[in-house]
Amino acid sequence: MSAPPSTSRRDHWIIGAALAGIAAVAWTYLIHEARAMDVTGVCQCFGMPMAGADAGWSAGTLLPLFLMWAGMMVAMMLPSATPMILTFAAVNRNRRRLDRPYVSVTIFVAGYVAVWSAFSALAAVAQWVLHRQALLSPAMASRSAWLGGILLMAAGIFQFTPLKHTCLAHCRAPLEFIMTRWREGAGGAFRMGLEHGLYCTGCCWALMGLLFVAGVMNILWIAALSLLVGLEKLIPRGLWLSSATGVILTAWGAWLIAASFRWG
């Protein structure tokens, strides 16, 4: 016997609203920090001041940097993962109706977030190193045409690689992923979240690196990359969009490097 349709719809809306609320909190935090930087030129990440790129950063800034990146990844990536999470919830709900073992969708989400938290730690270290080398401006954007150009070209070329296509294909097929990789129990759900997180990171890591090009706390740039990630995964011609983006990013990066020679 299946549950009434109203129950399924209610669960769907509750989970969707919870995900939207988490993403909204993360976006509110990012906007607050970006506005604070516009006024003071200093990022006050989680109450710990991080001076602009012309001042030294100690190793103690790694923690607030990590928290900043983790919040940013939640804001950027959770919305695009919502179809996968809702699919997991729907399959899990059906198993519960059939009196089969089920787990909370929160465990699946925790696995997904854990992967992006690991990415955030690596990104924080990368930003700290770039800052120490004076390659970032006070706005946390690239000061070097070469750095910006290389990041753009790398992201553009990656759009055409088999790894990108494989990871994006898995992200675009939520039901197939859930049905072919289902594992029982809380540990299984967490591992499924990890696997999806790995595919998602494999698909988007190079695009996330572009945050260093226009500014890690540039809200418009963050929003543009978030929209691109979402469209790649959700629209019918997402693979075509990925290739078109690759052409644009590669050309942009090449132009930036070539222009640096002309400008001296």
Protein backbone atom coordinates (compact mmCIF):
# COMPACT_ATOMS: atom_id res chain seq x y z
CA MET A 1 0.00 0.00 0.00
CA SER A 2 1.37 3.42 -0.93
CA ALA A 3 1.13 6.54 1.15
CA PRO A 4 -1.42 9.18 0.16
CA PRO A 5 -0.11 11.57 -2.52
CA SER A 6 -0.56 14.47 -0.14
CA THR A 7 1.92 12.87 2.27
CA SER A 8 4.54 12.48 -0.46
CA ARG A 9 4.07 16.05 -1.60
CA ARG A 10 4.28 17.29 1.98
CA ASP A 11 7.55 15.46 2.59
CA HIS A 12 8.88 16.77 -0.72
CA TRP A 13 8.09 20.35 0.22
CA ILE A 14 9.44 19.99 3.75
CA ILE A 15 12.80 18.68 2.52
CA GLY A 16 12.94 21.26 -0.28
CA ALA A 17 12.14 24.07 2.15
CA ALA A 18 14.81 22.86 4.59
CA LEU A 19 17.45 22.79 1.83
CA ALA A 20 16.37 26.21 0.61
CA GLY A 21 16.57 27.56 4.15
CA ILE A 22 20.12 26.23 4.64
CA ALA A 23 21.22 27.70 1.32
CA ALA A 24 19.54 31.02 2.19
CA VAL A 25 21.44 31.23 5.48
CA ALA A 26 24.71 30.54 3.66
CA TRP A 27 23.96 33.20 1.03
CA THR A 28 23.01 35.71 3.74
CA TYR A 29 26.37 35.12 5.40
CA LEU A 30 28.24 35.60 2.11
CA ILE A 31 26.39 38.82 1.31
CA HIS A 32 27.06 40.14 4.82
CA GLU A 33 30.79 39.42 4.51
CA ALA A 34 30.95 40.93 1.02
CA ARG A 35 29.30 44.14 2.21
CA ALA A 36 31.66 44.32 5.17
CA MET A 37 34.62 44.02 2.79
CA ASP A 38 33.23 46.81 0.60
CA VAL A 39 33.19 49.11 3.63
CA THR A 40 36.32 48.09 5.54
CA GLY A 41 38.42 46.18 3.01
CA VAL A 42 38.73 43.41 5.62
CA CYS A 43 36.95 40.07 5.69
CA GLN A 44 35.54 39.40 9.17
CA CYS A 45 35.02 35.68 8.64
CA PHE A 46 33.24 34.22 11.68
CA GLY A 47 34.42 37.15 13.76
CA MET A 48 38.10 36.65 12.95
CA PRO A 49 39.52 39.57 10.98
CA MET A 50 41.56 38.78 7.89
CA ALA A 51 43.35 41.80 6.54
CA GLY A 52 43.68 42.61 2.87
CA ALA A 53 46.33 41.12 0.67
CA ASP A 54 48.90 43.78 1.54
CA ALA A 55 49.07 42.60 5.14
CA GLY A 56 50.47 39.34 6.43
CA TRP A 57 48.24 36.39 7.21
CA SER A 58 49.24 34.02 9.96
CA ALA A 59 48.47 30.32 10.00
CA GLY A 60 45.61 31.21 12.35
CA THR A 61 43.65 32.61 9.41
CA LEU A 62 43.31 29.12 7.90
CA LEU A 63 40.34 28.31 10.15
CA PRO A 64 38.24 31.34 9.19
CA LEU A 65 39.25 30.82 5.57
CA PHE A 66 38.02 27.24 5.75
CA LEU A 67 34.73 28.32 7.35
CA MET A 68 34.30 30.97 4.66
CA TRP A 69 34.85 28.43 1.87
CA ALA A 70 32.62 25.83 3.54
CA GLY A 71 29.78 28.33 3.80
CA MET A 72 30.33 29.38 0.20
CA MET A 73 30.25 25.78 -1.06
CA VAL A 74 26.98 25.15 0.77
CA ALA A 75 25.49 28.27 -0.81
CA MET A 76 26.74 27.40 -4.29
CA MET A 77 26.41 23.62 -4.45
CA LEU A 78 23.45 22.62 -2.27
CA PRO A 79 20.81 24.08 -4.63
CA SER A 80 22.18 22.12 -7.61
CA ALA A 81 22.25 18.93 -5.49
CA THR A 82 18.58 19.30 -4.51
CA PRO A 83 17.20 17.01 -7.28
CA MET A 84 19.56 14.21 -6.16
CA ILE A 85 18.63 14.71 -2.51
CA LEU A 86 14.90 14.73 -3.26
CA THR A 87 15.29 11.58 -5.36
CA PHE A 88 17.07 9.85 -2.48
CA ALA A 89 14.27 10.96 -0.15
CA ALA A 90 11.58 9.66 -2.52
CA VAL A 91 13.21 6.24 -2.91
CA ASN A 92 13.81 6.07 0.83
CA ARG A 93 10.18 6.99 1.52
CA ASN A 94 8.98 4.24 -0.81
CA ARG A 95 11.15 1.70 1.03
CA ARG A 96 9.58 2.81 4.30
CA ARG A 97 6.09 2.23 2.86
CA LEU A 98 7.17 -1.30 1.93
CA ASP A 99 8.45 -1.90 5.48
CA ARG A 100 12.05 -2.08 4.26
CA PRO A 101 15.00 -0.47 6.10
CA TYR A 102 15.32 3.29 5.62
CA VAL A 103 17.47 6.11 6.99
CA SER A 104 17.17 9.86 7.39
CA VAL A 105 17.96 11.93 4.31
CA THR A 106 20.14 14.04 6.59
CA ILE A 107 22.79 11.30 6.57
CA PHE A 108 22.98 11.37 2.77
CA VAL A 109 23.31 15.17 2.84
CA ALA A 110 26.02 14.91 5.52
CA GLY A 111 28.09 12.70 3.24
CA TYR A 112 27.70 15.16 0.38
CA VAL A 113 28.66 18.13 2.54
CA ALA A 114 31.66 16.23 3.95
CA VAL A 115 33.24 16.04 0.49
CA TRP A 116 32.77 19.74 -0.16
CA SER A 117 34.15 20.47 3.32
CA ALA A 118 37.32 18.62 2.34
CA PHE A 119 37.46 20.66 -0.85
CA SER A 120 36.98 23.82 1.23
CA ALA A 121 39.99 22.90 3.36
CA LEU A 122 42.15 22.54 0.24
CA ALA A 123 40.80 25.79 -1.20
CA ALA A 124 41.55 27.63 2.05
CA VAL A 125 45.14 26.42 1.97
CA ALA A 126 45.43 27.42 -1.70
CA GLN A 127 44.11 30.91 -0.94
CA TRP A 128 46.48 31.26 2.02
CA VAL A 129 49.47 30.30 -0.18
CA LEU A 130 48.41 32.65 -2.99
CA HIS A 131 48.04 35.45 -0.47
CA ARG A 132 51.47 34.79 1.00
CA GLN A 133 52.88 35.05 -2.52
CA ALA A 134 51.11 38.42 -2.99
CA LEU A 135 49.11 37.04 -5.91
CA LEU A 136 45.73 38.12 -4.52
CA SER A 137 44.33 41.63 -4.14
CA PRO A 138 42.56 42.92 -0.99
CA ALA A 139 39.34 41.79 -2.71
CA MET A 140 40.77 38.24 -2.85
CA ALA A 141 41.02 38.40 -6.65
CA SER A 142 44.01 37.53 -8.82
CA ARG A 143 46.59 40.29 -9.20
CA SER A 144 48.39 38.34 -11.92
CA ALA A 145 47.16 38.14 -15.51
CA TRP A 146 49.10 34.90 -15.78
CA LEU A 147 47.38 33.36 -12.75
CA GLY A 148 43.95 34.47 -13.92
CA GLY A 149 44.62 33.34 -17.46
CA ILE A 150 45.90 29.93 -16.40
CA LEU A 151 42.92 29.35 -14.12
CA LEU A 152 40.50 30.33 -16.90
CA MET A 153 42.21 28.17 -19.51
CA ALA A 154 42.48 25.21 -17.13
CA ALA A 155 38.77 25.43 -16.30
CA GLY A 156 37.92 25.81 -19.99
CA ILE A 157 39.98 22.84 -21.13
CA PHE A 158 38.65 20.70 -18.27
CA GLN A 159 35.14 21.18 -19.64
CA PHE A 160 36.07 18.88 -22.56
CA THR A 161 37.72 16.10 -20.56
CA PRO A 162 36.23 12.60 -20.06
CA LEU A 163 36.33 13.14 -16.28
CA LYS A 164 34.12 16.21 -16.59
CA HIS A 165 31.68 14.42 -18.88
CA THR A 166 31.49 11.34 -16.65
CA CYS A 167 30.96 13.29 -13.45
CA LEU A 168 28.41 15.60 -15.05
CA ALA A 169 26.49 12.63 -16.49
CA HIS A 170 26.14 11.12 -13.00
CA CYS A 171 25.00 14.45 -11.57
CA ARG A 172 22.38 14.77 -14.32
CA ALA A 173 20.84 11.33 -13.63
CA PRO A 174 19.68 11.30 -9.99
CA LEU A 175 17.41 8.26 -10.19
CA GLU A 176 19.99 6.13 -12.01
CA PHE A 177 22.63 7.09 -9.45
CA ILE A 178 20.39 6.24 -6.48
CA MET A 179 19.16 2.93 -7.91
CA THR A 180 22.56 1.65 -9.03
CA ARG A 181 24.49 2.72 -5.93
CA TRP A 182 22.00 2.05 -3.18
CA ARG A 183 23.55 0.81 0.07
CA GLU A 184 21.73 -0.20 3.20
CA GLY A 185 21.91 1.45 6.59
CA ALA A 186 23.18 4.77 7.88
CA GLY A 187 26.73 3.97 6.78
CA GLY A 188 25.49 3.12 3.32
CA ALA A 189 23.54 6.37 3.03
CA PHE A 190 26.57 8.36 4.17
CA ARG A 191 28.74 6.58 1.60
CA MET A 192 26.20 7.33 -1.12
CA GLY A 193 26.37 10.99 -0.15
CA LEU A 194 30.16 10.81 -0.30
CA GLU A 195 30.05 9.24 -3.77
CA HIS A 196 27.67 11.88 -5.08
CA GLY A 197 29.82 14.57 -3.49
CA LEU A 198 32.89 13.16 -5.24
CA TYR A 199 31.14 13.18 -8.62
CA CYS A 200 29.89 16.71 -7.96
CA THR A 201 33.35 17.90 -6.94
CA GLY A 202 34.90 16.14 -9.92
CA CYS A 203 32.45 18.00 -12.15
CA CYS A 204 32.85 21.47 -10.63
CA TRP A 205 36.26 21.83 -8.94
CA ALA A 206 37.83 23.72 -11.84
CA LEU A 207 34.91 26.15 -11.99
CA MET A 208 35.29 26.78 -8.27
CA GLY A 209 38.91 27.70 -8.90
CA LEU A 210 37.63 30.63 -10.97
CA LEU A 211 36.61 32.31 -7.71
CA PHE A 212 40.25 33.42 -7.50
CA VAL A 213 39.92 35.23 -10.84
CA ALA A 214 37.26 37.84 -10.07
CA GLY A 215 37.26 37.69 -6.27
CA VAL A 216 36.49 35.00 -3.71
CA MET A 217 33.92 37.28 -2.11
CA ASN A 218 32.59 38.84 -5.33
CA ILE A 219 28.88 38.11 -4.91
CA LEU A 220 27.97 38.62 -8.57
CA TRP A 221 30.79 36.28 -9.65
CA ILE A 222 29.75 33.69 -7.06
CA ALA A 223 26.15 33.91 -8.26
CA ALA A 224 27.20 33.57 -11.91
CA LEU A 225 29.24 30.44 -11.20
CA SER A 226 26.41 29.01 -9.09
CA LEU A 227 23.97 29.57 -11.94
CA LEU A 228 26.34 27.93 -14.43
CA VAL A 229 26.78 24.88 -12.20
CA GLY A 230 23.02 24.56 -11.78
CA LEU A 231 22.25 24.93 -15.48
CA GLU A 232 24.87 22.34 -16.44
CA LYS A 233 23.18 19.81 -14.20
CA LEU A 234 19.53 20.67 -14.73
CA ILE A 235 18.73 21.91 -18.24
CA PRO A 236 18.21 19.47 -21.13
CA ARG A 237 21.27 20.74 -23.02
CA GLY A 238 23.57 20.93 -20.06
CA LEU A 239 26.35 19.06 -21.88
CA TRP A 240 26.17 21.55 -24.74
CA LEU A 241 26.34 24.42 -22.26
CA SER A 242 29.39 22.83 -20.65
CA SER A 243 31.20 22.70 -24.00
CA ALA A 244 30.22 26.25 -24.92
CA THR A 245 31.47 27.45 -21.55
CA GLY A 246 34.73 25.63 -22.15
CA VAL A 247 35.30 27.53 -25.39
CA ILE A 248 34.55 30.88 -23.74
CA LEU A 249 36.76 30.26 -20.70
CA THR A 250 39.69 29.00 -22.77
CA ALA A 251 39.50 31.98 -25.13
CA TRP A 252 39.16 34.39 -22.22
CA GLY A 253 42.20 32.96 -20.47
CA ALA A 254 44.30 33.01 -23.64
CA TRP A 255 43.30 36.63 -24.29
CA LEU A 256 44.20 37.61 -20.73
CA ILE A 257 47.68 36.12 -21.03
CA ALA A 258 48.24 37.58 -24.49
CA ALA A 259 47.11 41.00 -23.29
CA SER A 260 49.61 40.88 -20.44
CA PHE A 261 52.44 40.87 -23.05
CA ARG A 262 50.97 43.88 -24.83
CA TRP A 263 50.47 45.83 -21.63
CA GLY A 264 53.93 44.92 -20.37
